[in-house]
């Protein structure tokens, strides 16, 4: 409706609407989270957690509202219409921009349970929204480099324990556990320096995915493999707010999760680790080919 406005005006308006929407719903979220904090009993958690998720779902729906109001982005989405809402899902997606999160929330909201992400520890300090992620039990992970892990292997065990604790919380209420297997946003510089064998993707990192499957794989209904393509190039968040994202393509598919991946020992069983890497690499090869075909149009 307001997509005729100049880009700068649209960006400012969208930012204001996002801020107002966030502050409104977060005020409700924090009141519910305070009850959970003051009364840390299982019965209270079972009553409060669905309400917290409902508040987050409403926030996402209102975000879709200001996106519709201020933008004329064309959405080409396939594979989400028939997803069963009930149950638990492991969602896997390529990663190019902060916009990916809003895209996933927009197309998946109320089609599958609330998406919850593994976040970098530093993001807990983001004003307002960091506290909201904490209230919703989003897991915060410390990212350790290879040198730090070689120097102190206990850091790897800390990450495993953090993942397991988070998944125990996820098990209480139907949840979609979101994972960006690349571990970071795709850029041409990262693509070149990493020696990725794919044209449009970085090499996937299997560790977090394997940990999530080991912690609660029996509960997952399926993996939802999502591919996001921006034909005009991946936008920055500000470009997205300004309406300078002419088209977004999303493709989703359900994939069965091999039963052995829910019980295997990724850390200490090299044969199992090899099978897991081959499985993920096959998915990544198909995704890379799909992105290439979608860009060719």
Protein backbone atom coordinates (compact mmCIF):
# COMPACT_ATOMS: atom_id res chain seq x y z
CA UNK A 1 0.00 0.00 0.00
CA UNK A 2 2.83 2.42 0.84
CA UNK A 3 5.37 0.91 -1.53
CA UNK A 4 5.17 4.05 -3.70
CA UNK A 5 7.04 6.04 -1.05
CA UNK A 6 10.74 6.90 -1.55
CA UNK A 7 13.12 4.19 -0.32
CA UNK A 8 14.48 6.26 2.57
CA UNK A 9 10.97 7.06 3.82
CA UNK A 10 9.99 3.40 3.58
CA UNK A 11 13.10 2.40 5.50
CA UNK A 12 12.40 4.86 8.30
CA UNK A 13 8.71 3.89 8.44
CA UNK A 14 9.47 0.15 8.44
CA UNK A 15 12.07 0.65 11.19
CA UNK A 16 9.57 2.53 13.34
CA UNK A 17 6.89 -0.10 12.83
CA UNK A 18 9.36 -2.87 13.65
CA UNK A 19 10.46 -1.04 16.83
CA UNK A 20 6.89 -0.37 17.99
CA UNK A 21 5.87 -3.95 17.24
CA UNK A 22 8.89 -5.31 19.13
CA UNK A 23 8.42 -3.11 22.20
CA UNK A 24 4.70 -3.92 22.43
CA UNK A 25 5.00 -7.69 22.23
CA UNK A 26 8.21 -7.83 24.28
CA UNK A 27 6.46 -6.08 27.17
CA UNK A 28 4.00 -8.98 27.29
CA UNK A 29 6.80 -11.47 26.80
CA UNK A 30 8.83 -10.09 29.71
CA UNK A 31 5.85 -10.20 32.08
CA UNK A 32 5.31 -13.88 31.30
CA UNK A 33 9.04 -14.60 31.54
CA UNK A 34 9.13 -12.92 34.98
CA UNK A 35 6.47 -15.33 36.23
CA UNK A 36 8.54 -18.24 34.94
CA UNK A 37 11.65 -16.83 36.61
CA UNK A 38 9.98 -16.23 39.98
CA UNK A 39 8.15 -19.58 39.97
CA UNK A 40 10.66 -22.05 38.47
CA UNK A 41 8.39 -25.08 38.70
CA UNK A 42 7.68 -27.60 35.97
CA UNK A 43 3.93 -27.01 36.06
CA UNK A 44 4.45 -23.26 35.67
CA UNK A 45 6.82 -23.77 32.73
CA UNK A 46 4.35 -26.06 30.99
CA UNK A 47 1.68 -23.36 31.28
CA UNK A 48 3.87 -20.36 30.43
CA UNK A 49 6.01 -21.70 27.57
CA UNK A 50 3.09 -22.06 25.07
CA UNK A 51 1.97 -18.52 25.97
CA UNK A 52 5.49 -17.19 25.34
CA UNK A 53 5.54 -18.91 21.95
CA UNK A 54 2.11 -17.44 21.14
CA UNK A 55 3.40 -13.93 21.87
CA UNK A 56 6.41 -14.52 19.58
CA UNK A 57 4.09 -15.85 16.86
CA UNK A 58 1.98 -12.69 17.10
CA UNK A 59 5.12 -10.53 16.84
CA UNK A 60 6.11 -12.36 13.64
CA UNK A 61 2.60 -11.95 12.20
CA UNK A 62 2.73 -8.19 12.82
CA UNK A 63 6.15 -8.06 11.14
CA UNK A 64 4.54 -9.65 8.09
CA UNK A 65 1.95 -6.87 8.33
CA UNK A 66 4.43 -3.99 8.06
CA UNK A 67 6.29 -5.86 5.33
CA UNK A 68 3.06 -6.04 3.32
CA UNK A 69 2.31 -2.39 4.06
CA UNK A 70 5.67 -0.91 3.06
CA UNK A 71 7.13 -3.25 0.45
CA UNK A 72 6.29 -4.65 -2.95
CA UNK A 73 8.64 -7.61 -2.78
CA UNK A 74 7.48 -10.53 -4.92
CA UNK A 75 7.45 -13.76 -2.93
CA UNK A 76 7.94 -17.00 -4.84
CA UNK A 77 7.40 -19.67 -2.18
CA UNK A 78 6.93 -23.41 -2.69
CA UNK A 79 6.86 -26.39 -0.34
CA UNK A 80 5.38 -24.85 2.81
CA UNK A 81 1.63 -25.06 2.19
CA UNK A 82 1.23 -28.69 3.24
CA UNK A 83 3.58 -28.80 6.23
CA UNK A 84 1.82 -30.32 9.28
CA UNK A 85 1.81 -27.80 12.14
CA UNK A 86 2.00 -30.28 14.99
CA UNK A 87 5.27 -31.88 16.05
CA UNK A 88 8.95 -31.04 16.13
CA UNK A 89 11.10 -30.16 13.13
CA UNK A 90 14.77 -29.68 12.42
CA UNK A 91 15.01 -26.82 9.91
CA UNK A 92 18.14 -26.40 7.81
CA UNK A 93 18.81 -23.44 5.51
CA UNK A 94 21.52 -21.61 3.58
CA UNK A 95 22.56 -18.28 5.07
CA UNK A 96 23.31 -15.01 3.26
CA UNK A 97 21.95 -12.11 5.32
CA UNK A 98 20.17 -11.11 8.53
CA UNK A 99 17.14 -10.86 6.24
CA UNK A 100 17.09 -14.68 6.09
CA UNK A 101 15.61 -14.81 9.59
CA UNK A 102 12.73 -12.51 8.69
CA UNK A 103 12.16 -14.46 5.46
CA UNK A 104 12.00 -17.77 7.33
CA UNK A 105 9.70 -16.37 10.00
CA UNK A 106 7.44 -14.79 7.38
CA UNK A 107 6.95 -17.93 5.27
CA UNK A 108 6.92 -20.47 8.14
CA UNK A 109 4.86 -18.63 10.75
CA UNK A 110 1.82 -20.68 11.86
CA UNK A 111 2.73 -23.38 9.34
CA UNK A 112 5.17 -25.11 11.69
CA UNK A 113 5.89 -24.51 15.40
CA UNK A 114 7.93 -21.45 16.36
CA UNK A 115 11.44 -21.36 14.90
CA UNK A 116 14.21 -21.25 17.50
CA UNK A 117 17.81 -20.55 16.57
CA UNK A 118 21.22 -21.30 17.98
CA UNK A 119 22.66 -17.83 18.60
CA UNK A 120 26.11 -16.44 19.27
CA UNK A 121 26.62 -15.62 22.95
CA UNK A 122 27.23 -11.94 22.17
CA UNK A 123 23.70 -11.52 20.80
CA UNK A 124 22.19 -11.77 24.29
CA UNK A 125 23.36 -8.14 24.73
CA UNK A 126 21.28 -6.84 21.82
CA UNK A 127 18.86 -4.33 23.40
CA UNK A 128 15.37 -5.71 24.10
CA UNK A 129 15.49 -8.52 21.54
CA UNK A 130 18.42 -10.27 23.24
CA UNK A 131 16.38 -10.52 26.44
CA UNK A 132 13.41 -11.73 24.40
CA UNK A 133 15.51 -14.53 22.90
CA UNK A 134 16.57 -15.50 26.42
CA UNK A 135 12.92 -15.52 27.62
CA UNK A 136 12.00 -17.81 24.71
CA UNK A 137 14.80 -20.25 25.60
CA UNK A 138 16.84 -19.61 22.47
CA UNK A 139 20.22 -21.28 23.10
CA UNK A 140 23.26 -18.99 23.21
CA UNK A 141 26.46 -20.66 22.01
CA UNK A 142 30.05 -19.55 22.46
CA UNK A 143 31.83 -19.81 19.12
CA UNK A 144 35.32 -21.26 19.56
CA UNK A 145 37.94 -21.26 16.84
CA UNK A 146 39.93 -24.36 15.90
CA UNK A 147 43.01 -23.07 17.71
CA UNK A 148 41.08 -22.54 20.95
CA UNK A 149 39.53 -25.99 20.69
CA UNK A 150 42.92 -27.61 20.15
CA UNK A 151 44.29 -25.75 23.15
CA UNK A 152 41.32 -26.56 25.39
CA UNK A 153 39.21 -29.56 24.26
CA UNK A 154 36.87 -28.96 27.21
CA UNK A 155 35.36 -26.08 25.25
CA UNK A 156 33.87 -28.60 22.83
CA UNK A 157 32.23 -30.44 25.72
CA UNK A 158 30.79 -27.15 26.97
CA UNK A 159 29.13 -26.59 23.59
CA UNK A 160 27.70 -30.11 23.64
CA UNK A 161 26.27 -29.57 27.11
CA UNK A 162 24.75 -26.22 26.10
CA UNK A 163 23.08 -27.87 23.11
CA UNK A 164 21.72 -30.73 25.19
CA UNK A 165 20.28 -28.38 27.82
CA UNK A 166 18.60 -26.32 25.11
CA UNK A 167 17.12 -29.38 23.45
CA UNK A 168 15.73 -30.56 26.77
CA UNK A 169 13.78 -27.30 26.94
CA UNK A 170 12.65 -27.67 23.33
CA UNK A 171 11.21 -31.09 24.16
CA UNK A 172 8.53 -29.57 26.40
CA UNK A 173 6.64 -27.72 23.64
CA UNK A 174 6.51 -28.46 19.87
CA UNK A 175 9.41 -26.52 18.38
CA UNK A 176 11.20 -26.04 15.07
CA UNK A 177 14.93 -26.07 15.76
CA UNK A 178 16.61 -23.85 13.18
CA UNK A 179 20.18 -24.41 12.00
CA UNK A 180 22.30 -22.54 9.48
CA UNK A 181 24.71 -25.33 8.65
CA UNK A 182 27.23 -22.97 7.06
CA UNK A 183 27.72 -21.39 10.49
CA UNK A 184 28.10 -17.88 9.06
CA UNK A 185 26.70 -15.70 6.30
CA UNK A 186 27.86 -16.39 2.74
CA UNK A 187 30.11 -13.76 1.16
CA UNK A 188 32.35 -14.07 -1.90
CA UNK A 189 35.42 -13.50 0.29
CA UNK A 190 34.44 -16.28 2.73
CA UNK A 191 33.61 -18.54 -0.20
CA UNK A 192 37.04 -18.05 -1.74
CA UNK A 193 39.02 -18.33 1.49
CA UNK A 194 37.18 -21.46 2.67
CA UNK A 195 37.86 -23.40 -0.51
CA UNK A 196 34.19 -24.34 -0.79
CA UNK A 197 33.46 -26.90 -3.53
CA UNK A 198 30.02 -25.31 -4.08
CA UNK A 199 29.21 -22.37 -6.33
CA UNK A 200 26.67 -20.65 -4.09
CA UNK A 201 27.29 -22.10 -0.63
CA UNK A 202 29.95 -22.38 2.03
CA UNK A 203 30.94 -25.81 3.26
CA UNK A 204 28.38 -27.03 5.84
CA UNK A 205 29.44 -27.58 9.45
CA UNK A 206 27.89 -30.77 10.74
CA UNK A 207 28.64 -30.53 14.46
CA UNK A 208 25.64 -28.51 15.70
CA UNK A 209 23.28 -30.49 13.48
CA UNK A 210 24.62 -33.79 14.78
CA UNK A 211 24.34 -32.61 18.40
CA UNK A 212 20.72 -31.55 17.96
CA UNK A 213 19.86 -34.90 16.38
CA UNK A 214 21.64 -36.81 19.12
CA UNK A 215 19.85 -34.81 21.83
CA UNK A 216 16.28 -35.10 20.52
CA UNK A 217 16.35 -36.79 17.12
CA UNK A 218 13.62 -39.27 18.03
CA UNK A 219 11.23 -36.35 18.52
CA UNK A 220 11.81 -34.69 15.16
CA UNK A 221 9.00 -35.33 12.71
CA UNK A 222 11.34 -34.58 9.80
CA UNK A 223 14.01 -32.24 8.56
CA UNK A 224 12.74 -29.27 6.59
CA UNK A 225 15.43 -28.27 4.12
CA UNK A 226 14.94 -24.64 3.04
CA UNK A 227 16.68 -22.79 0.23
CA UNK A 228 16.51 -18.98 0.03
CA UNK A 229 17.49 -17.14 -3.14
CA UNK A 230 17.62 -13.39 -3.75
CA UNK A 231 17.80 -13.02 -7.56
CA UNK A 232 18.95 -9.39 -7.28
CA UNK A 233 21.61 -10.29 -4.70
CA UNK A 234 21.44 -10.80 -0.95
CA UNK A 235 20.21 -7.53 0.63
CA UNK A 236 21.42 -5.93 3.81
CA UNK A 237 18.77 -5.50 6.50
CA UNK A 238 18.52 -1.78 5.77
CA UNK A 239 18.04 -2.44 2.05
CA UNK A 240 15.26 -4.86 2.96
CA UNK A 241 13.57 -2.25 5.19
CA UNK A 242 13.82 0.29 2.36
CA UNK A 243 11.99 -2.07 0.02
CA UNK A 244 15.01 -2.65 -2.19
CA UNK A 245 14.47 -6.42 -2.36
CA UNK A 246 12.46 -6.94 -5.53
CA UNK A 247 12.05 -10.70 -5.23
CA UNK A 248 12.57 -13.50 -2.71
CA UNK A 249 12.49 -17.15 -3.72
CA UNK A 250 11.96 -19.83 -1.08
CA UNK A 251 11.89 -23.57 -1.65
CA UNK A 252 11.21 -26.02 1.19
CA UNK A 253 11.08 -29.80 1.31
CA UNK A 254 10.65 -32.41 4.00
CA UNK A 255 13.45 -34.95 4.28
CA UNK A 256 13.46 -38.09 6.42
CA UNK A 257 16.10 -38.22 9.11
CA UNK A 258 18.02 -41.52 9.08
CA UNK A 259 17.38 -43.28 12.38
CA UNK A 260 21.07 -43.96 12.97
CA UNK A 261 21.78 -40.21 13.12
CA UNK A 262 19.65 -39.93 16.26
CA UNK A 263 21.79 -42.33 18.27
CA UNK A 264 25.31 -42.27 16.77
CA UNK A 265 28.40 -40.81 18.42
CA UNK A 266 29.51 -37.96 16.16
CA UNK A 267 32.52 -36.98 18.28
CA UNK A 268 34.18 -40.35 18.83
CA UNK A 269 32.96 -42.60 15.98
CA UNK A 270 34.87 -41.66 12.83
CA UNK A 271 32.87 -44.02 10.59
CA UNK A 272 29.59 -42.53 11.81
CA UNK A 273 30.99 -39.03 11.35
CA UNK A 274 31.93 -39.86 7.77
CA UNK A 275 28.42 -41.13 6.98
CA UNK A 276 26.90 -38.01 8.52
CA UNK A 277 29.18 -35.74 6.47
CA UNK A 278 28.31 -37.58 3.26
CA UNK A 279 24.58 -37.27 3.99
CA UNK A 280 24.86 -33.53 4.61
CA UNK A 281 27.15 -33.06 1.59
CA UNK A 282 24.57 -34.74 -0.67
CA UNK A 283 21.90 -32.32 0.59
CA UNK A 284 24.28 -29.41 -0.01
CA UNK A 285 25.06 -30.53 -3.57
CA UNK A 286 21.35 -30.64 -4.38
CA UNK A 287 20.84 -27.24 -2.77
CA UNK A 288 23.72 -25.72 -4.75
CA UNK A 289 22.28 -27.08 -8.00
CA UNK A 290 18.82 -25.80 -7.05
CA UNK A 291 20.16 -22.29 -6.35
CA UNK A 292 21.97 -22.32 -9.69
CA UNK A 293 18.78 -23.32 -11.53
CA UNK A 294 16.67 -20.70 -9.72
CA UNK A 295 19.15 -17.94 -10.51
CA UNK A 296 19.15 -18.96 -14.16
CA UNK A 297 15.37 -18.59 -13.96
